[in-house]
Amino acid sequence: MPIKKHDLRQCLLQKFRFEEVPGSKHEAVSLFVDDKKVATTRFSRAGKDISDQLLRLIAREIWVQLGYLKEMYDCTKSRDDYLQHLQNSEHIQ
């Protein structure tokens, strides 16, 4: 089932508290933890649905596997789960 670009972007911004990156050629969002940038991903301005191939790239940019990203989108992973994952994988301390 395809994921809509707008829906995934809003999920990252609202649920996981990513922040918009101003002045980007693409619609970029970044996650900051303790004022340190931890992850950034970009969305093309074109298109509405995101293929699994592009979802894999987004997942890699935010330090998760494709399945984990889909769980984040499906609301089976919380922000706390994601932060714990980043800590366990040593992307944050």
N, C-alpha and C. Protein backbone atom coordinates (compact mmCIF):
# COMPACT_ATOMS: atom_id res chain seq x y z
N MET A 1 0.85 -1.18 0.00
CA MET A 1 0.00 0.00 0.00
C MET A 1 0.89 1.24 0.00
N PRO A 2 0.75 2.10 -1.00
CA PRO A 2 1.60 3.29 -1.07
C PRO A 2 1.32 4.26 0.08
N ILE A 3 2.35 4.97 0.45
CA ILE A 3 2.24 5.99 1.48
C ILE A 3 2.26 7.35 0.80
N LYS A 4 1.35 8.20 1.19
CA LYS A 4 1.30 9.54 0.62
C LYS A 4 2.40 10.41 1.24
N LYS A 5 3.06 11.15 0.36
CA LYS A 5 4.17 12.01 0.79
C LYS A 5 3.72 12.96 1.90
N HIS A 6 2.61 13.62 1.70
CA HIS A 6 2.12 14.59 2.67
C HIS A 6 1.87 13.93 4.03
N ASP A 7 1.30 12.73 4.03
CA ASP A 7 0.99 12.04 5.28
C ASP A 7 2.25 11.64 6.04
N LEU A 8 3.25 11.12 5.33
CA LEU A 8 4.50 10.73 6.00
C LEU A 8 5.21 11.96 6.53
N ARG A 9 5.25 13.00 5.74
CA ARG A 9 5.90 14.25 6.16
C ARG A 9 5.24 14.80 7.42
N GLN A 10 3.92 14.83 7.44
CA GLN A 10 3.18 15.32 8.61
C GLN A 10 3.42 14.42 9.82
N CYS A 11 3.51 13.12 9.60
CA CYS A 11 3.80 12.18 10.69
C CYS A 11 5.16 12.52 11.33
N LEU A 12 6.17 12.72 10.50
CA LEU A 12 7.49 13.05 11.03
C LEU A 12 7.48 14.40 11.74
N LEU A 13 6.79 15.36 11.18
CA LEU A 13 6.75 16.70 11.78
C LEU A 13 5.96 16.72 13.08
N GLN A 14 4.81 16.11 13.10
CA GLN A 14 3.93 16.22 14.27
C GLN A 14 4.23 15.17 15.33
N LYS A 15 4.22 13.91 14.96
CA LYS A 15 4.38 12.84 15.95
C LYS A 15 5.82 12.71 16.44
N PHE A 16 6.77 12.81 15.50
CA PHE A 16 8.17 12.58 15.87
C PHE A 16 8.95 13.87 16.06
N ARG A 17 8.28 15.01 15.87
CA ARG A 17 8.81 16.34 16.13
C ARG A 17 10.05 16.68 15.32
N PHE A 18 10.06 16.24 14.06
CA PHE A 18 11.07 16.74 13.13
C PHE A 18 10.74 18.20 12.87
N GLU A 19 11.70 18.95 12.36
CA GLU A 19 11.50 20.37 12.06
C GLU A 19 11.79 20.63 10.59
N GLU A 20 11.06 21.56 10.00
CA GLU A 20 11.28 21.94 8.61
C GLU A 20 12.63 22.61 8.48
N VAL A 21 13.31 22.34 7.38
CA VAL A 21 14.59 22.97 7.08
C VAL A 21 14.31 24.06 6.05
N PRO A 22 14.41 25.31 6.44
CA PRO A 22 14.11 26.40 5.51
C PRO A 22 15.17 26.53 4.41
N GLY A 23 14.73 27.01 3.25
CA GLY A 23 15.65 27.29 2.16
C GLY A 23 16.15 26.08 1.42
N SER A 24 15.51 24.95 1.60
CA SER A 24 15.95 23.74 0.92
C SER A 24 15.30 23.63 -0.45
N LYS A 25 16.05 23.12 -1.43
CA LYS A 25 15.50 22.88 -2.76
C LYS A 25 14.39 21.85 -2.68
N HIS A 26 14.56 20.86 -1.81
CA HIS A 26 13.55 19.85 -1.56
C HIS A 26 12.92 20.15 -0.21
N GLU A 27 11.80 19.53 0.06
CA GLU A 27 11.12 19.72 1.34
C GLU A 27 11.84 18.87 2.40
N ALA A 28 12.84 19.46 3.04
CA ALA A 28 13.66 18.74 4.01
C ALA A 28 13.12 18.91 5.42
N VAL A 29 13.26 17.84 6.21
CA VAL A 29 12.91 17.88 7.63
C VAL A 29 14.05 17.24 8.41
N SER A 30 14.32 17.79 9.60
CA SER A 30 15.41 17.28 10.44
C SER A 30 14.91 17.04 11.85
N LEU A 31 15.54 16.08 12.50
CA LEU A 31 15.27 15.80 13.91
C LEU A 31 16.43 16.36 14.72
N PHE A 32 16.09 17.16 15.72
CA PHE A 32 17.08 17.71 16.64
C PHE A 32 16.84 17.12 18.01
N VAL A 33 17.91 16.69 18.67
CA VAL A 33 17.84 16.21 20.05
C VAL A 33 18.90 16.98 20.83
N ASP A 34 18.46 17.68 21.85
CA ASP A 34 19.36 18.53 22.63
C ASP A 34 20.12 19.50 21.72
N ASP A 35 19.40 20.13 20.81
CA ASP A 35 19.95 21.13 19.87
C ASP A 35 20.99 20.57 18.91
N LYS A 36 21.05 19.25 18.78
CA LYS A 36 21.99 18.63 17.85
C LYS A 36 21.18 17.93 16.75
N LYS A 37 21.54 18.20 15.49
CA LYS A 37 20.85 17.55 14.39
C LYS A 37 21.24 16.08 14.34
N VAL A 38 20.23 15.21 14.41
CA VAL A 38 20.46 13.77 14.44
C VAL A 38 20.17 13.13 13.09
N ALA A 39 19.12 13.59 12.41
CA ALA A 39 18.72 12.98 11.15
C ALA A 39 18.04 14.02 10.27
N THR A 40 18.23 13.87 8.97
CA THR A 40 17.56 14.74 7.99
C THR A 40 17.13 13.89 6.81
N THR A 41 15.94 14.14 6.33
CA THR A 41 15.48 13.49 5.10
C THR A 41 14.81 14.54 4.24
N ARG A 42 14.70 14.22 2.97
CA ARG A 42 14.15 15.16 2.00
C ARG A 42 13.01 14.51 1.23
N PHE A 43 12.07 15.35 0.83
CA PHE A 43 10.94 14.91 0.03
C PHE A 43 10.93 15.72 -1.25
N SER A 44 10.72 15.06 -2.37
CA SER A 44 10.60 15.76 -3.64
C SER A 44 9.35 16.61 -3.62
N ARG A 45 9.40 17.73 -4.29
CA ARG A 45 8.21 18.58 -4.38
C ARG A 45 7.19 17.96 -5.32
N ALA A 46 7.61 17.06 -6.17
CA ALA A 46 6.69 16.41 -7.11
C ALA A 46 6.17 15.10 -6.52
N GLY A 47 5.09 14.63 -7.06
CA GLY A 47 4.57 13.33 -6.67
C GLY A 47 3.74 13.35 -5.41
N LYS A 48 2.89 12.36 -5.29
CA LYS A 48 2.02 12.27 -4.13
C LYS A 48 2.25 11.01 -3.34
N ASP A 49 2.49 9.89 -4.03
CA ASP A 49 2.75 8.62 -3.36
C ASP A 49 4.24 8.35 -3.36
N ILE A 50 4.71 7.65 -2.31
CA ILE A 50 6.13 7.33 -2.18
C ILE A 50 6.28 5.82 -2.37
N SER A 51 7.10 5.42 -3.31
CA SER A 51 7.35 4.00 -3.58
C SER A 51 8.20 3.40 -2.45
N ASP A 52 8.19 2.07 -2.35
CA ASP A 52 9.04 1.41 -1.35
C ASP A 52 10.51 1.72 -1.58
N GLN A 53 10.92 1.90 -2.83
CA GLN A 53 12.31 2.23 -3.11
C GLN A 53 12.69 3.58 -2.48
N LEU A 54 11.83 4.57 -2.61
CA LEU A 54 12.10 5.87 -1.99
C LEU A 54 11.94 5.80 -0.48
N LEU A 55 10.99 5.00 -0.01
CA LEU A 55 10.83 4.84 1.44
C LEU A 55 12.09 4.25 2.07
N ARG A 56 12.75 3.33 1.37
CA ARG A 56 14.00 2.76 1.88
C ARG A 56 15.07 3.85 2.04
N LEU A 57 15.13 4.77 1.09
CA LEU A 57 16.10 5.87 1.19
C LEU A 57 15.77 6.78 2.37
N ILE A 58 14.50 7.10 2.54
CA ILE A 58 14.08 7.93 3.67
C ILE A 58 14.41 7.22 4.97
N ALA A 59 14.10 5.94 5.05
CA ALA A 59 14.39 5.16 6.26
C ALA A 59 15.88 5.21 6.59
N ARG A 60 16.71 5.02 5.58
CA ARG A 60 18.16 5.04 5.80
C ARG A 60 18.61 6.40 6.33
N GLU A 61 18.02 7.47 5.80
CA GLU A 61 18.41 8.81 6.22
C GLU A 61 18.01 9.11 7.67
N ILE A 62 16.97 8.43 8.16
CA ILE A 62 16.57 8.68 9.56
C ILE A 62 16.98 7.51 10.47
N TRP A 63 17.89 6.66 9.98
CA TRP A 63 18.54 5.62 10.77
C TRP A 63 17.64 4.47 11.19
N VAL A 64 16.70 4.07 10.31
CA VAL A 64 15.84 2.91 10.60
C VAL A 64 15.76 2.05 9.34
N GLN A 65 15.19 0.86 9.51
CA GLN A 65 14.90 -0.03 8.39
C GLN A 65 13.52 0.34 7.82
N LEU A 66 13.23 -0.13 6.62
CA LEU A 66 11.96 0.17 5.97
C LEU A 66 10.78 -0.27 6.84
N GLY A 67 10.84 -1.47 7.39
CA GLY A 67 9.75 -1.96 8.24
C GLY A 67 9.51 -1.07 9.45
N TYR A 68 10.59 -0.58 10.03
CA TYR A 68 10.47 0.30 11.20
C TYR A 68 9.81 1.62 10.80
N LEU A 69 10.20 2.16 9.65
CA LEU A 69 9.59 3.40 9.17
C LEU A 69 8.09 3.22 8.96
N LYS A 70 7.71 2.08 8.41
CA LYS A 70 6.28 1.82 8.19
C LYS A 70 5.55 1.70 9.53
N GLU A 71 6.21 1.13 10.54
CA GLU A 71 5.61 1.06 11.88
C GLU A 71 5.47 2.46 12.48
N MET A 72 6.43 3.32 12.23
CA MET A 72 6.33 4.71 12.68
C MET A 72 5.11 5.36 12.04
N TYR A 73 4.96 5.15 10.75
CA TYR A 73 3.85 5.74 10.00
C TYR A 73 2.50 5.15 10.45
N ASP A 74 2.48 3.85 10.73
CA ASP A 74 1.24 3.17 11.14
C ASP A 74 0.90 3.39 12.61
N CYS A 75 1.72 4.17 13.31
CA CYS A 75 1.50 4.51 14.73
C CYS A 75 1.71 3.34 15.67
N THR A 76 2.48 2.33 15.25
CA THR A 76 2.82 1.25 16.20
C THR A 76 4.17 1.52 16.87
N LYS A 77 4.88 2.55 16.41
CA LYS A 77 6.09 3.01 17.07
C LYS A 77 5.88 4.46 17.49
N SER A 78 6.26 4.75 18.72
CA SER A 78 6.10 6.11 19.25
C SER A 78 7.41 6.89 19.10
N ARG A 79 7.36 8.15 19.43
CA ARG A 79 8.57 8.98 19.42
C ARG A 79 9.58 8.43 20.43
N ASP A 80 9.08 8.02 21.59
CA ASP A 80 9.99 7.44 22.60
C ASP A 80 10.65 6.16 22.08
N ASP A 81 9.88 5.32 21.37
CA ASP A 81 10.45 4.10 20.77
C ASP A 81 11.56 4.48 19.79
N TYR A 82 11.29 5.48 18.97
CA TYR A 82 12.27 5.92 17.96
C TYR A 82 13.52 6.48 18.63
N LEU A 83 13.35 7.31 19.65
CA LEU A 83 14.52 7.87 20.35
C LEU A 83 15.33 6.76 21.02
N GLN A 84 14.64 5.76 21.57
CA GLN A 84 15.34 4.62 22.18
C GLN A 84 16.11 3.84 21.10
N HIS A 85 15.51 3.67 19.94
CA HIS A 85 16.20 3.01 18.82
C HIS A 85 17.46 3.78 18.44
N LEU A 86 17.35 5.09 18.35
CA LEU A 86 18.51 5.92 18.00
C LEU A 86 19.59 5.83 19.07
N GLN A 87 19.17 5.75 20.32
CA GLN A 87 20.15 5.61 21.40
C GLN A 87 20.81 4.23 21.35
N ASN A 88 20.03 3.19 21.14
CA ASN A 88 20.58 1.84 21.07
C ASN A 88 21.54 1.67 19.90
N SER A 89 21.27 2.38 18.80
CA SER A 89 22.14 2.29 17.63
C SER A 89 23.24 3.36 17.65
N GLU A 90 23.36 4.05 18.79
CA GLU A 90 24.40 5.02 19.06
C GLU A 90 24.40 6.23 18.12
N HIS A 91 23.20 6.61 17.64
CA HIS A 91 23.08 7.84 16.86
C HIS A 91 22.82 9.03 17.78
N ILE A 92 22.36 8.75 19.00
CA ILE A 92 22.27 9.78 20.04
C ILE A 92 22.78 9.15 21.32
N GLN A 93 23.11 10.02 22.28
CA GLN A 93 23.62 9.51 23.56
C GLN A 93 22.67 9.81 24.67
